[in-house]
C-alpha atoms as a PDB file:
ATOM      1  CA  UNK A   1       6.112  -8.730  20.687  1.00  0.00           C
ATOM      2  CA  UNK A   2       4.770  -9.507  17.163  1.00  0.00           C
ATOM      3  CA  UNK A   3       4.749 -12.834  15.380  1.00  0.00           C
ATOM      4  CA  UNK A   4       4.261 -11.549  11.835  1.00  0.00           C
ATOM      5  CA  UNK A   5       4.277  -8.387   9.738  1.00  0.00           C
ATOM      6  CA  UNK A   6       1.668  -7.583   7.100  1.00  0.00           C
ATOM      7  CA  UNK A   7       2.388  -4.831   4.591  1.00  0.00           C
ATOM      8  CA  UNK A   8       0.364  -2.556   2.403  1.00  0.00           C
ATOM      9  CA  UNK A   9       2.054  -2.124  -0.984  1.00  0.00           C
ATOM     10  CA  UNK A  10       1.279   1.156  -2.792  1.00  0.00           C
ATOM     11  CA  UNK A  11       2.860   4.106  -1.037  1.00  0.00           C
ATOM     12  CA  UNK A  12       4.382   1.838   1.600  1.00  0.00           C
ATOM     13  CA  UNK A  13       6.620  -0.712  -0.131  1.00  0.00           C
ATOM     14  CA  UNK A  14       6.641   0.898  -3.569  1.00  0.00           C
ATOM     15  CA  UNK A  15       6.723   4.556  -4.543  1.00  0.00           C
ATOM     16  CA  UNK A  16       3.688   4.330  -6.825  1.00  0.00           C
ATOM     17  CA  UNK A  17       1.546   7.217  -5.616  1.00  0.00           C
ATOM     18  CA  UNK A  18       3.805   9.965  -7.021  1.00  0.00           C
ATOM     19  CA  UNK A  19       4.149   8.704 -10.611  1.00  0.00           C
ATOM     20  CA  UNK A  20       0.435   7.850 -10.734  1.00  0.00           C
ATOM     21  CA  UNK A  21      -0.493  11.314  -9.447  1.00  0.00           C
ATOM     22  CA  UNK A  22       1.831  12.952 -11.976  1.00  0.00           C
ATOM     23  CA  UNK A  23       0.220  10.911 -14.769  1.00  0.00           C
ATOM     24  CA  UNK A  24      -3.289  11.970 -13.718  1.00  0.00           C
ATOM     25  CA  UNK A  25      -2.284  15.632 -13.539  1.00  0.00           C
ATOM     26  CA  UNK A  26      -0.781  15.392 -17.041  1.00  0.00           C
ATOM     27  CA  UNK A  27      -3.867  13.553 -18.345  1.00  0.00           C
ATOM     28  CA  UNK A  28      -6.112  16.278 -16.938  1.00  0.00           C
ATOM     29  CA  UNK A  29      -4.089  18.888 -18.844  1.00  0.00           C
ATOM     30  CA  UNK A  30      -4.995  17.134 -22.110  1.00  0.00           C
ATOM     31  CA  UNK A  31      -8.585  18.012 -21.196  1.00  0.00           C
ATOM     32  CA  UNK A  32      -7.579  21.616 -20.399  1.00  0.00           C
ATOM     33  CA  UNK A  33      -8.219  20.951 -16.723  1.00  0.00           C
ATOM     34  CA  UNK A  34      -5.797  21.865 -13.966  1.00  0.00           C
ATOM     35  CA  UNK A  35      -5.941  18.952 -11.521  1.00  0.00           C
ATOM     36  CA  UNK A  36      -4.036  20.099  -8.453  1.00  0.00           C
ATOM     37  CA  UNK A  37      -2.153  17.849  -6.079  1.00  0.00           C
ATOM     38  CA  UNK A  38      -4.603  18.712  -3.311  1.00  0.00           C
ATOM     39  CA  UNK A  39      -7.501  17.651  -5.547  1.00  0.00           C
ATOM     40  CA  UNK A  40      -5.807  14.374  -6.440  1.00  0.00           C
ATOM     41  CA  UNK A  41      -5.010  13.587  -2.811  1.00  0.00           C
ATOM     42  CA  UNK A  42      -8.736  13.194  -2.215  1.00  0.00           C
ATOM     43  CA  UNK A  43      -8.564   9.750  -3.868  1.00  0.00           C
ATOM     44  CA  UNK A  44      -5.381   8.424  -2.234  1.00  0.00           C
ATOM     45  CA  UNK A  45      -6.191   5.345  -0.167  1.00  0.00           C
ATOM     46  CA  UNK A  46      -9.719   4.995  -1.551  1.00  0.00           C
ATOM     47  CA  UNK A  47     -11.224   1.980  -3.266  1.00  0.00           C
ATOM     48  CA  UNK A  48     -11.262   2.028  -7.073  1.00  0.00           C
ATOM     49  CA  UNK A  49     -14.987   2.749  -7.361  1.00  0.00           C
ATOM     50  CA  UNK A  50     -14.745   5.717  -5.012  1.00  0.00           C
ATOM     51  CA  UNK A  51     -11.661   7.048  -6.820  1.00  0.00           C
ATOM     52  CA  UNK A  52     -13.415   6.803 -10.195  1.00  0.00           C
ATOM     53  CA  UNK A  53     -16.416   8.735  -8.885  1.00  0.00           C
ATOM     54  CA  UNK A  54     -14.323  11.583  -7.453  1.00  0.00           C
ATOM     55  CA  UNK A  55     -11.951  11.827 -10.419  1.00  0.00           C
ATOM     56  CA  UNK A  56     -14.861  11.694 -12.842  1.00  0.00           C
ATOM     57  CA  UNK A  57     -16.461  14.622 -11.052  1.00  0.00           C
ATOM     58  CA  UNK A  58     -13.209  16.597 -11.012  1.00  0.00           C
ATOM     59  CA  UNK A  59     -12.576  15.960 -14.701  1.00  0.00           C
ATOM     60  CA  UNK A  60     -16.079  16.657 -15.978  1.00  0.00           C
ATOM     61  CA  UNK A  61     -17.869  13.333 -16.212  1.00  0.00           C
ATOM     62  CA  UNK A  62     -17.536   9.674 -17.263  1.00  0.00           C
ATOM     63  CA  UNK A  63     -16.363  10.452 -20.789  1.00  0.00           C
ATOM     64  CA  UNK A  64     -13.590  12.713 -19.566  1.00  0.00           C
ATOM     65  CA  UNK A  65     -12.609  10.107 -16.981  1.00  0.00           C
ATOM     66  CA  UNK A  66     -12.307   7.397 -19.651  1.00  0.00           C
ATOM     67  CA  UNK A  67     -10.134   9.679 -21.814  1.00  0.00           C
ATOM     68  CA  UNK A  68      -7.928  10.523 -18.829  1.00  0.00           C
ATOM     69  CA  UNK A  69      -7.446   6.964 -17.604  1.00  0.00           C
ATOM     70  CA  UNK A  70      -6.443   5.836 -21.113  1.00  0.00           C
ATOM     71  CA  UNK A  71      -3.844   8.608 -21.149  1.00  0.00           C
ATOM     72  CA  UNK A  72      -2.639   7.665 -17.652  1.00  0.00           C
ATOM     73  CA  UNK A  73      -2.131   4.059 -18.732  1.00  0.00           C
ATOM     74  CA  UNK A  74      -0.153   5.165 -21.797  1.00  0.00           C
ATOM     75  CA  UNK A  75       2.060   7.444 -19.711  1.00  0.00           C
ATOM     76  CA  UNK A  76       2.803   4.722 -17.168  1.00  0.00           C
ATOM     77  CA  UNK A  77       3.606   2.205 -19.898  1.00  0.00           C
ATOM     78  CA  UNK A  78       6.075   4.657 -21.430  1.00  0.00           C
ATOM     79  CA  UNK A  79       7.964   4.766 -18.161  1.00  0.00           C
ATOM     80  CA  UNK A  80       8.769   1.069 -18.554  1.00  0.00           C
ATOM     81  CA  UNK A  81      10.794   1.723 -21.714  1.00  0.00           C
ATOM     82  CA  UNK A  82      14.008   2.506 -19.802  1.00  0.00           C
ATOM     83  CA  UNK A  83      14.134  -1.019 -18.401  1.00  0.00           C
ATOM     84  CA  UNK A  84      13.708   0.112 -14.811  1.00  0.00           C
ATOM     85  CA  UNK A  85      10.829  -1.017 -12.574  1.00  0.00           C
ATOM     86  CA  UNK A  86       7.735   1.097 -13.170  1.00  0.00           C
ATOM     87  CA  UNK A  87       7.512   1.935  -9.486  1.00  0.00           C
ATOM     88  CA  UNK A  88      10.713   2.108  -7.407  1.00  0.00           C
ATOM     89  CA  UNK A  89      10.935   0.532  -3.987  1.00  0.00           C
ATOM     90  CA  UNK A  90      10.471   2.913  -1.069  1.00  0.00           C
ATOM     91  CA  UNK A  91      13.561   3.897   0.953  1.00  0.00           C
ATOM     92  CA  UNK A  92      14.406   1.322   3.601  1.00  0.00           C
ATOM     93  CA  UNK A  93      11.885  -1.275   2.432  1.00  0.00           C
ATOM     94  CA  UNK A  94      14.417  -3.795   1.077  1.00  0.00           C
ATOM     95  CA  UNK A  95      16.640  -3.445   4.157  1.00  0.00           C
ATOM     96  CA  UNK A  96      13.715  -3.849   6.533  1.00  0.00           C
ATOM     97  CA  UNK A  97      12.406  -6.928   4.724  1.00  0.00           C
ATOM     98  CA  UNK A  98      15.881  -8.470   4.750  1.00  0.00           C
ATOM     99  CA  UNK A  99      16.171  -7.819   8.502  1.00  0.00           C
ATOM    100  CA  UNK A 100      12.809  -9.479   9.118  1.00  0.00           C
ATOM    101  CA  UNK A 101      13.817 -12.478   7.007  1.00  0.00           C
ATOM    102  CA  UNK A 102      17.055 -12.854   8.953  1.00  0.00           C
ATOM    103  CA  UNK A 103      15.017 -12.719  12.162  1.00  0.00           C
ATOM    104  CA  UNK A 104      12.710 -15.460  10.935  1.00  0.00           C
ATOM    105  CA  UNK A 105       9.691 -13.171  10.946  1.00  0.00           C
ATOM    106  CA  UNK A 106       6.898 -14.200   8.626  1.00  0.00           C
ATOM    107  CA  UNK A 107       5.555 -11.554   6.265  1.00  0.00           C
ATOM    108  CA  UNK A 108       2.512 -11.032   4.057  1.00  0.00           C
ATOM    109  CA  UNK A 109       1.050  -8.354   1.800  1.00  0.00           C
ATOM    110  CA  UNK A 110      -2.498  -6.993   2.110  1.00  0.00           C
ATOM    111  CA  UNK A 111      -3.010  -4.606  -0.801  1.00  0.00           C
ATOM    112  CA  UNK A 112      -5.971  -3.140  -2.648  1.00  0.00           C
ATOM    113  CA  UNK A 113      -4.029  -3.878  -5.851  1.00  0.00           C
ATOM    114  CA  UNK A 114      -4.882  -7.151  -7.559  1.00  0.00           C
ATOM    115  CA  UNK A 115      -2.988 -10.342  -6.789  1.00  0.00           C
ATOM    116  CA  UNK A 116      -1.364 -10.175 -10.216  1.00  0.00           C
ATOM    117  CA  UNK A 117      -0.232  -6.595  -9.686  1.00  0.00           C
ATOM    118  CA  UNK A 118       1.258  -7.484  -6.303  1.00  0.00           C
ATOM    119  CA  UNK A 119       3.248 -10.364  -7.768  1.00  0.00           C
ATOM    120  CA  UNK A 120       4.425  -8.313 -10.759  1.00  0.00           C
ATOM    121  CA  UNK A 121       5.432  -5.202  -8.801  1.00  0.00           C
ATOM    122  CA  UNK A 122       7.257  -6.964  -5.981  1.00  0.00           C
ATOM    123  CA  UNK A 123       8.794  -9.493  -8.354  1.00  0.00           C
ATOM    124  CA  UNK A 124      10.266  -6.713 -10.511  1.00  0.00           C
ATOM    125  CA  UNK A 125      11.904  -5.249  -7.403  1.00  0.00           C
ATOM    126  CA  UNK A 126      13.352  -8.598  -6.224  1.00  0.00           C
ATOM    127  CA  UNK A 127      11.552  -8.595  -2.858  1.00  0.00           C
ATOM    128  CA  UNK A 128       8.751 -11.070  -3.607  1.00  0.00           C
ATOM    129  CA  UNK A 129      10.660 -13.892  -1.908  1.00  0.00           C
ATOM    130  CA  UNK A 130      10.355 -12.169   1.472  1.00  0.00           C
ATOM    131  CA  UNK A 131       6.607 -12.849   1.605  1.00  0.00           C
ATOM    132  CA  UNK A 132       4.799 -16.073   2.455  1.00  0.00           C
ATOM    133  CA  UNK A 133       1.251 -14.898   1.762  1.00  0.00           C
ATOM    134  CA  UNK A 134      -0.633 -12.338  -0.300  1.00  0.00           C
ATOM    135  CA  UNK A 135      -4.133 -10.882  -0.161  1.00  0.00           C
ATOM    136  CA  UNK A 136      -5.211  -8.763  -3.133  1.00  0.00           C
ATOM    137  CA  UNK A 137      -8.140  -6.458  -3.625  1.00  0.00           C
ATOM    138  CA  UNK A 138      -9.576  -8.777  -6.273  1.00  0.00           C
ATOM    139  CA  UNK A 139      -9.942 -11.521  -3.646  1.00  0.00           C
ATOM    140  CA  UNK A 140     -12.279  -9.762  -1.217  1.00  0.00           C
ATOM    141  CA  UNK A 141     -15.747  -8.311  -1.568  1.00  0.00           C
ATOM    142  CA  UNK A 142     -15.002  -5.072   0.276  1.00  0.00           C
ATOM    143  CA  UNK A 143     -11.974  -2.797   0.049  1.00  0.00           C
ATOM    144  CA  UNK A 144     -10.138  -1.023   2.847  1.00  0.00           C
ATOM    145  CA  UNK A 145     -11.203   0.344   5.354  1.00  0.00           C
ATOM    146  CA  UNK A 146     -13.071  -2.969   5.614  1.00  0.00           C
ATOM    147  CA  UNK A 147     -10.857  -5.453   7.523  1.00  0.00           C
ATOM    148  CA  UNK A 148     -11.305  -8.274   4.987  1.00  0.00           C
ATOM    149  CA  UNK A 149      -7.870  -7.924   3.339  1.00  0.00           C
ATOM    150  CA  UNK A 150      -6.003  -8.040   6.632  1.00  0.00           C
ATOM    151  CA  UNK A 151      -8.072 -10.912   7.951  1.00  0.00           C
ATOM    152  CA  UNK A 152      -7.369 -12.876   4.764  1.00  0.00           C
ATOM    153  CA  UNK A 153      -3.628 -12.166   4.929  1.00  0.00           C
ATOM    154  CA  UNK A 154      -3.431 -13.258   8.591  1.00  0.00           C
ATOM    155  CA  UNK A 155      -5.469 -16.371   7.811  1.00  0.00           C
ATOM    156  CA  UNK A 156      -3.122 -17.316   4.976  1.00  0.00           C
ATOM    157  CA  UNK A 157      -0.139 -16.874   7.263  1.00  0.00           C
ATOM    158  CA  UNK A 158      -1.883 -18.961   9.912  1.00  0.00           C
ATOM    159  CA  UNK A 159      -1.244 -16.294  12.530  1.00  0.00           C
ATOM    160  CA  UNK A 160      -3.726 -14.719  14.921  1.00  0.00           C
ATOM    161  CA  UNK A 161      -4.368 -11.094  13.815  1.00  0.00           C
ATOM    162  CA  UNK A 162      -3.653  -9.958  17.378  1.00  0.00           C
ATOM    163  CA  UNK A 163      -0.083 -11.252  16.926  1.00  0.00           C
ATOM    164  CA  UNK A 164       0.421  -9.293  13.696  1.00  0.00           C
ATOM    165  CA  UNK A 165       1.509  -5.730  13.031  1.00  0.00           C
ATOM    166  CA  UNK A 166       0.458  -3.890   9.889  1.00  0.00           C
ATOM    167  CA  UNK A 167       2.594  -1.331   8.101  1.00  0.00           C
ATOM    168  CA  UNK A 168       0.405   1.273   6.414  1.00  0.00           C
ATOM    169  CA  UNK A 169       0.694   4.716   4.876  1.00  0.00           C
ATOM    170  CA  UNK A 170      -2.990   5.601   4.431  1.00  0.00           C
ATOM    171  CA  UNK A 171      -5.937   6.355   6.693  1.00  0.00           C
ATOM    172  CA  UNK A 172      -8.181   3.688   5.155  1.00  0.00           C
ATOM    173  CA  UNK A 173      -5.432   1.093   5.335  1.00  0.00           C
ATOM    174  CA  UNK A 174      -4.785   1.826   9.001  1.00  0.00           C
ATOM    175  CA  UNK A 175      -8.512   1.672   9.736  1.00  0.00           C
ATOM    176  CA  UNK A 176      -8.719  -1.715   8.010  1.00  0.00           C
ATOM    177  CA  UNK A 177      -5.833  -3.159  10.016  1.00  0.00           C
ATOM    178  CA  UNK A 178      -7.160  -1.826  13.315  1.00  0.00           C
ATOM    179  CA  UNK A 179     -10.627  -3.199  12.568  1.00  0.00           C
ATOM    180  CA  UNK A 180      -9.050  -6.612  11.892  1.00  0.00           C
ATOM    181  CA  UNK A 181      -7.408  -6.555  15.325  1.00  0.00           C
ATOM    182  CA  UNK A 182      -3.836  -5.808  14.232  1.00  0.00           C
ATOM    183  CA  UNK A 183      -1.495  -3.229  15.673  1.00  0.00           C
ATOM    184  CA  UNK A 184      -0.495  -0.582  13.134  1.00  0.00           C
ATOM    185  CA  UNK A 185       2.755   1.183  12.351  1.00  0.00           C
ATOM    186  CA  UNK A 186       2.019   4.246  10.217  1.00  0.00           C
ATOM    187  CA  UNK A 187       4.569   5.387   7.629  1.00  0.00           C
ATOM    188  CA  UNK A 188       2.928   8.414   5.943  1.00  0.00           C
ATOM    189  CA  UNK A 189       3.443   8.945   2.223  1.00  0.00           C
ATOM    190  CA  UNK A 190       1.716  11.630   0.140  1.00  0.00           C
ATOM    191  CA  UNK A 191      -1.245  12.034   2.458  1.00  0.00           C
ATOM    192  CA  UNK A 192      -0.674  12.202   6.202  1.00  0.00           C
ATOM    193  CA  UNK A 193      -3.334  10.256   8.163  1.00  0.00           C
ATOM    194  CA  UNK A 194      -5.418  12.325  10.595  1.00  0.00           C
ATOM    195  CA  UNK A 195      -4.691  12.656  14.298  1.00  0.00           C
ATOM    196  CA  UNK A 196      -7.419  10.122  15.109  1.00  0.00           C
ATOM    197  CA  UNK A 197      -5.377   7.430  13.315  1.00  0.00           C
ATOM    198  CA  UNK A 198      -1.987   8.578  14.573  1.00  0.00           C
ATOM    199  CA  UNK A 199      -3.271   8.417  18.161  1.00  0.00           C
ATOM    200  CA  UNK A 200      -4.308   4.767  17.710  1.00  0.00           C
ATOM    201  CA  UNK A 201      -1.092   3.718  15.981  1.00  0.00           C
ATOM    202  CA  UNK A 202       1.428   1.511  17.712  1.00  0.00           C
ATOM    203  CA  UNK A 203       4.187   3.660  16.231  1.00  0.00           C
ATOM    204  CA  UNK A 204       4.733   6.318  13.548  1.00  0.00           C
ATOM    205  CA  UNK A 205       7.829   6.308  11.313  1.00  0.00           C
ATOM    206  CA  UNK A 206       9.158   8.747   8.732  1.00  0.00           C
ATOM    207  CA  UNK A 207      10.377   5.849   6.572  1.00  0.00           C
ATOM    208  CA  UNK A 208      10.991   2.106   6.703  1.00  0.00           C
ATOM    209  CA  UNK A 209      14.683   2.902   7.240  1.00  0.00           C
ATOM    210  CA  UNK A 210      13.739   3.692  10.845  1.00  0.00           C
ATOM    211  CA  UNK A 211      11.974   0.339  11.238  1.00  0.00           C
ATOM    212  CA  UNK A 212      15.200  -1.670  10.919  1.00  0.00           C
ATOM    213  CA  UNK A 213      16.417  -0.586  14.360  1.00  0.00           C
ATOM    214  CA  UNK A 214      13.147  -1.790  15.926  1.00  0.00           C
ATOM    215  CA  UNK A 215      13.328  -5.342  14.560  1.00  0.00           C
ATOM    216  CA  UNK A 216      14.972  -6.982  17.631  1.00  0.00           C
ATOM    217  CA  UNK A 217      12.378  -5.502  20.008  1.00  0.00           C
ATOM    218  CA  UNK A 218       9.269  -5.783  17.856  1.00  0.00           C
ATOM    219  CA  UNK A 219       9.940  -9.257  16.444  1.00  0.00           C
ATOM    220  CA  UNK A 220      11.487 -11.472  19.129  1.00  0.00           C
ATOM    221  CA  UNK A 221      10.911 -14.862  17.526  1.00  0.00           C
ATOM    222  CA  UNK A 222       9.076 -17.165  15.167  1.00  0.00           C
ATOM    223  CA  UNK A 223       5.374 -16.699  14.433  1.00  0.00           C
ATOM    224  CA  UNK A 224       2.867 -18.820  16.301  1.00  0.00           C
ATOM    225  CA  UNK A 225       0.550 -20.736  13.997  1.00  0.00           C
ATOM    226  CA  UNK A 226      -3.156 -20.970  14.712  1.00  0.00           C
END
């Protein structure tokens, strides 16, 4: 059915959204501001510039934002001290990627994170070798929901976007994949996409654990190069 799989990273392959949210909530407290989870969820899935604007408003302005982001970076660096990966892999992700590799399915990453962040995060979790191509947010002019990241990932795989399926957790990510002509499997994380996205999805999963059972039907053979 599909020739290739293209994955988002944050919130889909790695459990990054929770520790980042916790760091922002703690950073806000240093400013005597209670940043609620519902407030923070406004920025999940948004481009960096949009996130900065919203968080800056919630925290009281550019100066407060700069203080908070410095604190967030310090908190996240401290979490590396135990020798474990900063962001753990999401449940089922390693098993699903291994099943796709055994099937001969070609895989790529299309993430708003930078190319360097993609390589570092997935390398630290020992799953980088499952991917043939990468498209990072620093390589395109427009972030998701623009289709540029998915089009670039499909181009680097050499596979027609119509033969690819995207795995996404966010509304903007799903919109980007659909606009690029891919089918989309939605695996919600912190923020559940709206009904308008769920209705257009090829499938909805609770976790990537569930995806393993679908591999024989969804990925029947080798990808077709363009």
